[in-house]
Amino acid sequence: MSYLEKMDRYLDSLKVGKSAMVDSWFMMSSPMPILSVVVLYLLFIRIGPRVMKNRSPLRMNKLISYYNASQVVLATMICMKVFKLNLFRDGILYAGCRYPSNSQNPMLLDLGWWYFFAKFTELLDTVFFVLRKKDKQLTFLHVYHHVIMALYSWSYLKFAAGGEGAILALLNSIVHVVMYTYYLLSGLGPRFQKYLWWKKYVTKMQLIQFILMLSYCAWTYNSPRCQYATGFTYFISANVTIFLLLFLNFYSKSYKIKKESKKENTNTSNGFNKQNGVTEKCEMKENGVCREENNDNPSIEEIPFEVNKACGDYIKDGKVFLTRRTAKATYGPEYDFDSIIKK
């Protein structure tokens, strides 16, 4: 028997008894619809930035807010569907063992389709990045994650849906509720920034999620009580490991940038800015940090103003400037300079 014949027989054995139900659902009749979407997605990433190069970024704040809100609702609904399956009747460790792979439970299959639909719609994240000219967001981690999750969720529902996938979907959806809630609030304007103190915990939640997924896959694989398709368990474990490494790399780089920024801020304290070992007084201070002047504004020397202080020296770009002294600055605010001119 050839390798292709063995693979064909293996795939047929996975979908016995449920292919008729799943095949009639949207995008589930064959792999061609999802493969076509993935190909178009990759072409868009390649062509989109070139098309937008000489164009202004699109303003899509309201549309993106609706999108983020819908993703929060969708992820919450998936979590609710998992709990309706009553997976935790036998405890947390054996939660997914209640439904082996190739389950014919309609509620489990319905959950699998909505999870696939969520991964399908999440491809719009990239579309919004391109149209808003946020090309720096199109990292390998971002693209790889979206493509693999779309293909995996389709394949798992088509060939080996089971309780293991339901638990992994629950973990992932909980993180997505938090993540898209953050995106939603951050897009509503500056007045919500004070409520986003938990931003740094979003990536940590993702890392914890991957560790829990790996642990759960290892537990169910070695437990004789759980019956899953080993091929998909290997596939899940391998990709979760890749996600974990990529997210760790992303987290370490982000932490390094923040650490360097914090180190620079420690050189500034009590209104004095230290540069090249010289301490210079800071006249423009915000939250204990010296604020540089906006170069888009006119220079201080070009703006006429009245000097009412006898000593108005200031420091700009490391140089000491002396303000022009007026009679009022020298003799005080009670000096009537206008009456002298009239005489």
Protein backbone atom coordinates (compact mmCIF):
# COMPACT_ATOMS: atom_id res chain seq x y z
CA MET A 1 0.00 0.00 0.00
CA SER A 2 1.44 3.37 -1.04
CA TYR A 3 1.86 6.32 1.29
CA LEU A 4 -0.97 8.24 -0.39
CA GLU A 5 -3.33 5.29 -0.01
CA LYS A 6 -2.48 5.01 3.70
CA MET A 7 -3.05 8.72 4.21
CA ASP A 8 -6.34 8.59 2.33
CA ARG A 9 -7.53 5.63 4.43
CA TYR A 10 -6.46 7.40 7.64
CA LEU A 11 -8.38 10.56 6.75
CA ASP A 12 -11.44 8.55 5.80
CA SER A 13 -11.32 6.73 9.13
CA LEU A 14 -11.30 10.03 10.99
CA LYS A 15 -14.46 11.42 9.44
CA VAL A 16 -16.60 8.30 9.46
CA GLY A 17 -20.07 9.07 10.73
CA LYS A 18 -19.89 12.86 10.77
CA SER A 19 -18.67 14.03 7.36
CA ALA A 20 -22.26 14.28 6.11
CA MET A 21 -23.10 16.78 8.86
CA VAL A 22 -19.93 18.87 8.72
CA ASP A 23 -19.57 18.85 4.94
CA SER A 24 -22.82 20.77 4.51
CA TRP A 25 -21.60 23.70 6.60
CA PHE A 26 -20.10 26.93 5.29
CA MET A 27 -16.57 26.43 3.87
CA MET A 28 -16.44 22.83 5.10
CA SER A 29 -17.29 20.85 1.96
CA SER A 30 -13.66 20.70 0.80
CA PRO A 31 -10.29 22.30 1.63
CA MET A 32 -10.44 24.52 -1.46
CA PRO A 33 -12.41 27.43 0.13
CA ILE A 34 -10.08 27.86 3.11
CA LEU A 35 -6.96 27.30 0.98
CA SER A 36 -8.18 29.95 -1.47
CA VAL A 37 -8.74 32.40 1.38
CA VAL A 38 -5.23 31.75 2.75
CA VAL A 39 -3.65 32.25 -0.69
CA LEU A 40 -5.55 35.53 -1.19
CA TYR A 41 -4.54 36.56 2.32
CA LEU A 42 -0.84 36.04 1.57
CA LEU A 43 -1.15 37.83 -1.79
CA PHE A 44 -2.84 40.76 -0.06
CA ILE A 45 0.04 41.01 2.41
CA ARG A 46 2.45 41.08 -0.52
CA ILE A 47 0.57 43.51 -2.76
CA GLY A 48 -1.38 45.62 -0.25
CA PRO A 49 1.56 47.64 1.18
CA ARG A 50 2.72 48.47 -2.35
CA VAL A 51 -0.74 49.74 -3.29
CA MET A 52 -0.95 51.85 -0.12
CA LYS A 53 2.61 53.19 -0.41
CA ASN A 54 1.65 56.52 -2.02
CA ARG A 55 -1.77 56.75 -0.42
CA SER A 56 -2.88 58.15 2.89
CA PRO A 57 -3.78 55.59 5.58
CA LEU A 58 -7.51 54.95 5.81
CA ARG A 59 -9.34 56.21 8.87
CA MET A 60 -11.28 53.21 10.13
CA ASN A 61 -11.58 53.85 13.86
CA LYS A 62 -15.33 53.31 14.08
CA LEU A 63 -15.25 50.18 11.89
CA ILE A 64 -12.37 48.71 13.89
CA SER A 65 -14.19 49.43 17.15
CA TYR A 66 -17.20 47.48 15.89
CA TYR A 67 -14.88 44.68 14.75
CA ASN A 68 -13.13 44.46 18.13
CA ALA A 69 -16.46 44.46 19.95
CA SER A 70 -17.75 41.65 17.73
CA GLN A 71 -14.61 39.61 18.43
CA VAL A 72 -15.17 40.01 22.17
CA VAL A 73 -18.77 38.80 21.77
CA LEU A 74 -17.69 35.88 19.55
CA ALA A 75 -14.95 34.73 21.93
CA THR A 76 -17.33 35.02 24.90
CA MET A 77 -19.93 32.95 23.06
CA ILE A 78 -17.34 30.21 22.37
CA CYS A 79 -16.47 30.07 26.08
CA MET A 80 -20.15 29.71 26.94
CA LYS A 81 -20.57 26.88 24.41
CA VAL A 82 -17.64 25.02 26.00
CA PHE A 83 -19.25 25.17 29.46
CA LYS A 84 -22.59 24.00 28.04
CA LEU A 85 -20.86 20.76 27.02
CA ASN A 86 -20.43 19.98 30.73
CA LEU A 87 -16.82 18.95 30.13
CA PHE A 88 -15.72 19.43 33.72
CA ARG A 89 -18.02 16.83 35.25
CA ASP A 90 -15.07 14.47 35.75
CA GLY A 91 -12.68 17.17 36.92
CA ILE A 92 -10.30 19.55 35.16
CA LEU A 93 -7.67 16.99 34.17
CA TYR A 94 -10.11 14.67 32.42
CA ALA A 95 -12.36 17.42 31.06
CA GLY A 96 -11.59 16.79 27.40
CA CYS A 97 -11.64 13.00 27.70
CA ARG A 98 -15.43 12.92 27.72
CA TYR A 99 -15.47 13.44 23.95
CA PRO A 100 -12.91 11.41 21.95
CA SER A 101 -11.78 12.41 18.46
CA ASN A 102 -14.34 11.79 15.73
CA SER A 103 -17.15 12.66 18.12
CA GLN A 104 -20.65 12.95 16.66
CA ASN A 105 -21.95 15.27 19.37
CA PRO A 106 -23.77 18.12 17.55
CA MET A 107 -22.95 20.67 20.27
CA LEU A 108 -19.25 19.85 20.07
CA LEU A 109 -19.24 20.14 16.29
CA ASP A 110 -21.16 23.43 16.50
CA LEU A 111 -18.51 24.72 18.91
CA GLY A 112 -15.78 23.62 16.49
CA TRP A 113 -17.37 25.51 13.60
CA TRP A 114 -17.75 28.75 15.55
CA TYR A 115 -14.12 28.49 16.65
CA PHE A 116 -13.08 28.02 13.01
CA PHE A 117 -15.26 31.00 12.04
CA ALA A 118 -13.49 33.13 14.68
CA LYS A 119 -10.07 32.22 13.26
CA PHE A 120 -11.40 32.97 9.77
CA THR A 121 -12.63 36.46 10.72
CA GLU A 122 -9.42 37.23 12.62
CA LEU A 123 -7.64 37.43 9.28
CA LEU A 124 -9.18 40.91 9.09
CA ASP A 125 -6.61 42.02 11.69
CA THR A 126 -4.00 41.97 8.94
CA VAL A 127 -6.27 43.68 6.41
CA PHE A 128 -6.76 46.59 8.80
CA PHE A 129 -3.01 46.84 9.40
CA VAL A 130 -2.34 47.13 5.66
CA LEU A 131 -5.11 49.67 4.98
CA ARG A 132 -3.93 51.81 7.91
CA LYS A 133 -0.28 51.48 6.78
CA LYS A 134 0.78 49.74 10.00
CA ASP A 135 3.31 47.63 8.10
CA LYS A 136 5.53 47.13 11.15
CA GLN A 137 2.78 44.96 12.61
CA LEU A 138 3.07 42.47 9.74
CA THR A 139 5.68 40.34 11.46
CA PHE A 140 6.37 36.67 10.83
CA LEU A 141 4.72 35.88 14.16
CA HIS A 142 1.54 37.71 13.15
CA VAL A 143 1.20 36.13 9.69
CA TYR A 144 2.24 32.62 10.74
CA HIS A 145 -0.14 32.63 13.70
CA HIS A 146 -3.17 33.67 11.63
CA VAL A 147 -2.51 31.28 8.74
CA ILE A 148 -1.82 28.22 10.91
CA MET A 149 -4.82 28.82 13.19
CA ALA A 150 -7.18 29.15 10.22
CA LEU A 151 -5.90 25.92 8.64
CA TYR A 152 -5.73 24.04 11.96
CA SER A 153 -9.24 24.94 13.12
CA TRP A 154 -10.69 23.85 9.75
CA SER A 155 -8.75 20.56 9.71
CA TYR A 156 -9.56 19.71 13.32
CA LEU A 157 -13.30 20.21 12.82
CA LYS A 158 -13.25 18.31 9.54
CA PHE A 159 -11.30 15.25 10.65
CA ALA A 160 -10.81 14.93 14.40
CA ALA A 161 -13.06 17.16 16.51
CA GLY A 162 -13.01 16.10 20.16
CA GLY A 163 -12.92 17.26 23.75
CA GLU A 164 -9.21 18.06 23.58
CA GLY A 165 -9.90 20.75 21.00
CA ALA A 166 -12.73 22.13 23.14
CA ILE A 167 -10.39 22.71 26.09
CA LEU A 168 -7.78 24.36 23.87
CA ALA A 169 -10.49 26.53 22.30
CA LEU A 170 -11.60 27.59 25.79
CA LEU A 171 -8.09 28.65 26.80
CA ASN A 172 -7.55 30.55 23.56
CA SER A 173 -10.96 32.25 23.67
CA ILE A 174 -10.46 33.47 27.25
CA VAL A 175 -7.24 35.19 26.16
CA HIS A 176 -8.99 36.67 23.12
CA VAL A 177 -11.77 38.14 25.27
CA VAL A 178 -9.12 40.04 27.24
CA MET A 179 -7.03 40.93 24.18
CA TYR A 180 -9.84 42.31 22.01
CA THR A 181 -11.30 44.15 25.00
CA TYR A 182 -7.96 45.92 25.30
CA TYR A 183 -7.97 46.72 21.56
CA LEU A 184 -11.53 48.04 21.85
CA LEU A 185 -10.79 50.35 24.78
CA SER A 186 -7.50 51.58 23.33
CA GLY A 187 -9.30 52.61 20.13
CA LEU A 188 -11.94 54.67 21.91
CA GLY A 189 -9.64 57.61 22.56
CA PRO A 190 -7.31 59.10 25.20
CA ARG A 191 -10.02 59.24 27.88
CA PHE A 192 -9.81 55.45 28.23
CA GLN A 193 -6.01 55.25 28.50
CA LYS A 194 -6.11 55.39 32.30
CA TYR A 195 -8.09 52.14 32.29
CA LEU A 196 -5.45 50.26 30.27
CA TRP A 197 -2.89 49.72 33.01
CA TRP A 198 -3.18 45.96 32.40
CA LYS A 199 -1.72 46.12 28.87
CA LYS A 200 1.53 44.44 29.94
CA TYR A 201 -0.38 41.41 31.21
CA VAL A 202 -1.94 40.55 27.83
CA THR A 203 1.26 39.04 26.41
CA LYS A 204 1.91 37.26 29.71
CA MET A 205 -1.55 35.70 29.47
CA GLN A 206 -0.71 34.44 25.98
CA LEU A 207 2.51 32.86 27.23
CA ILE A 208 0.69 31.17 30.12
CA GLN A 209 -1.93 29.96 27.65
CA PHE A 210 0.70 28.19 25.51
CA ILE A 211 2.30 26.55 28.54
CA LEU A 212 -1.11 25.25 29.70
CA MET A 213 -1.86 23.97 26.19
CA LEU A 214 1.42 22.06 26.00
CA SER A 215 0.90 20.61 29.45
CA TYR A 216 -2.63 19.54 28.61
CA CYS A 217 -1.59 17.90 25.31
CA ALA A 218 1.17 15.98 27.12
CA TRP A 219 -1.25 14.85 29.84
CA THR A 220 -3.98 13.66 27.49
CA TYR A 221 -1.49 11.93 25.18
CA ASN A 222 -0.09 9.85 28.04
CA SER A 223 -3.46 9.14 29.63
CA PRO A 224 -5.10 5.89 28.43
CA ARG A 225 -8.46 7.38 29.33
CA CYS A 226 -8.25 10.03 26.58
CA GLN A 227 -8.65 8.93 22.97
CA TYR A 228 -7.48 11.45 20.43
CA ALA A 229 -5.95 11.38 16.96
CA THR A 230 -2.23 11.29 17.74
CA GLY A 231 -1.36 13.05 14.49
CA PHE A 232 -3.31 16.14 15.46
CA THR A 233 -1.89 16.05 18.98
CA TYR A 234 1.61 16.12 17.52
CA PHE A 235 0.62 18.94 15.17
CA ILE A 236 -0.93 21.00 17.97
CA SER A 237 2.05 20.47 20.29
CA ALA A 238 4.57 21.41 17.59
CA ASN A 239 2.78 24.62 16.65
CA VAL A 240 2.09 25.63 20.24
CA THR A 241 5.84 25.22 20.90
CA ILE A 242 6.59 27.46 17.90
CA PHE A 243 4.06 30.04 19.14
CA LEU A 244 5.61 29.94 22.61
CA LEU A 245 9.12 30.58 21.26
CA LEU A 246 7.96 33.38 18.95
CA PHE A 247 5.97 35.09 21.69
CA LEU A 248 8.87 34.75 24.11
CA ASN A 249 11.10 36.45 21.55
CA PHE A 250 8.52 39.20 21.10
CA TYR A 251 8.13 39.63 24.86
CA SER A 252 11.88 39.76 25.48
CA LYS A 253 12.35 42.43 22.80
CA SER A 254 9.47 44.51 24.15
CA TYR A 255 10.82 44.17 27.70
CA LYS A 256 14.31 45.18 26.54
CA ILE A 257 12.97 48.32 24.87
CA LYS A 258 11.03 49.29 27.99
CA LYS A 259 14.04 48.58 30.19
CA GLU A 260 16.28 50.81 28.05
CA SER A 261 13.64 53.55 28.10
CA LYS A 262 13.39 53.29 31.89
CA LYS A 263 17.17 53.48 32.17
CA GLU A 264 17.20 56.71 30.17
CA ASN A 265 14.52 58.18 32.39
CA THR A 266 16.58 57.45 35.52
CA ASN A 267 19.17 59.92 34.23
CA THR A 268 16.58 62.64 34.74
CA SER A 269 15.44 63.49 38.25
CA ASN A 270 14.22 66.46 40.34
CA GLY A 271 13.88 68.70 37.30
CA PHE A 272 17.53 68.34 36.21
CA ASN A 273 18.57 66.62 32.99
CA LYS A 274 21.96 64.88 32.91
CA GLN A 275 23.72 64.94 29.55
CA ASN A 276 27.36 64.05 28.97
CA GLY A 277 28.03 64.26 32.68
CA VAL A 278 26.76 67.87 32.87
CA THR A 279 23.64 68.71 34.83
CA GLU A 280 21.48 71.36 33.26
CA LYS A 281 18.32 72.86 34.64
CA CYS A 282 15.11 71.71 33.08
CA GLU A 283 12.52 74.47 32.59
CA MET A 284 9.95 72.24 30.88
CA LYS A 285 9.13 69.30 33.13
CA GLU A 286 6.27 66.80 32.94
CA ASN A 287 5.83 63.99 35.46
CA GLY A 288 9.40 64.36 36.63
CA VAL A 289 10.83 64.00 33.11
CA CYS A 290 12.32 66.81 31.07
CA ARG A 291 10.26 67.45 27.98
CA GLU A 292 12.00 68.52 24.80
CA GLU A 293 10.56 71.39 22.85
CA ASN A 294 8.48 70.54 19.83
CA ASN A 295 10.59 71.30 16.76
CA ASP A 296 7.43 71.92 14.76
CA ASN A 297 6.76 75.07 16.79
CA PRO A 298 8.61 78.37 16.24
CA SER A 299 11.80 78.94 18.19
CA ILE A 300 11.48 80.79 21.49
CA GLU A 301 13.72 83.53 20.11
CA GLU A 302 11.28 84.19 17.26
CA ILE A 303 8.28 84.78 19.55
CA PRO A 304 7.95 88.32 20.96
CA PHE A 305 7.13 88.35 24.62
CA GLU A 306 7.45 90.59 27.64
CA VAL A 307 10.11 89.73 30.20
CA ASN A 308 8.92 90.57 33.71
CA LYS A 309 11.73 88.80 35.57
CA ALA A 310 15.14 90.27 36.22
CA CYS A 311 16.78 86.94 35.41
CA GLY A 312 15.21 85.06 32.55
CA ASP A 313 18.09 82.86 31.40
CA TYR A 314 17.17 79.51 29.91
CA ILE A 315 18.83 76.44 28.40
CA LYS A 316 18.00 75.14 24.95
CA ASP A 317 19.73 72.27 23.08
CA GLY A 318 22.56 72.27 25.58
CA LYS A 319 23.28 76.02 25.14
CA VAL A 320 22.70 78.82 27.63
CA PHE A 321 20.72 81.80 26.27
CA LEU A 322 20.35 85.22 27.91
CA THR A 323 17.04 86.92 27.42
CA ARG A 324 16.96 90.58 26.48
CA ARG A 325 16.42 92.66 29.62
CA THR A 326 13.70 95.32 29.58
CA ALA A 327 13.29 98.24 31.88
CA LYS A 328 10.32 96.56 33.50
CA ALA A 329 12.42 93.46 34.16
CA THR A 330 15.17 95.55 35.68
CA TYR A 331 13.11 97.95 37.81
CA GLY A 332 10.10 95.78 38.51
CA PRO A 333 6.51 95.58 37.21
CA GLU A 334 5.59 98.99 38.68
CA TYR A 335 7.95 100.81 36.34
CA ASP A 336 5.82 102.83 33.88
CA PHE A 337 7.83 102.59 30.67
CA ASP A 338 4.91 103.71 28.44
CA SER A 339 4.65 107.14 30.14
CA ILE A 340 8.36 107.78 29.46
CA ILE A 341 7.85 107.15 25.72
CA LYS A 342 4.91 109.58 25.61
CA LYS A 343 7.07 112.33 27.09
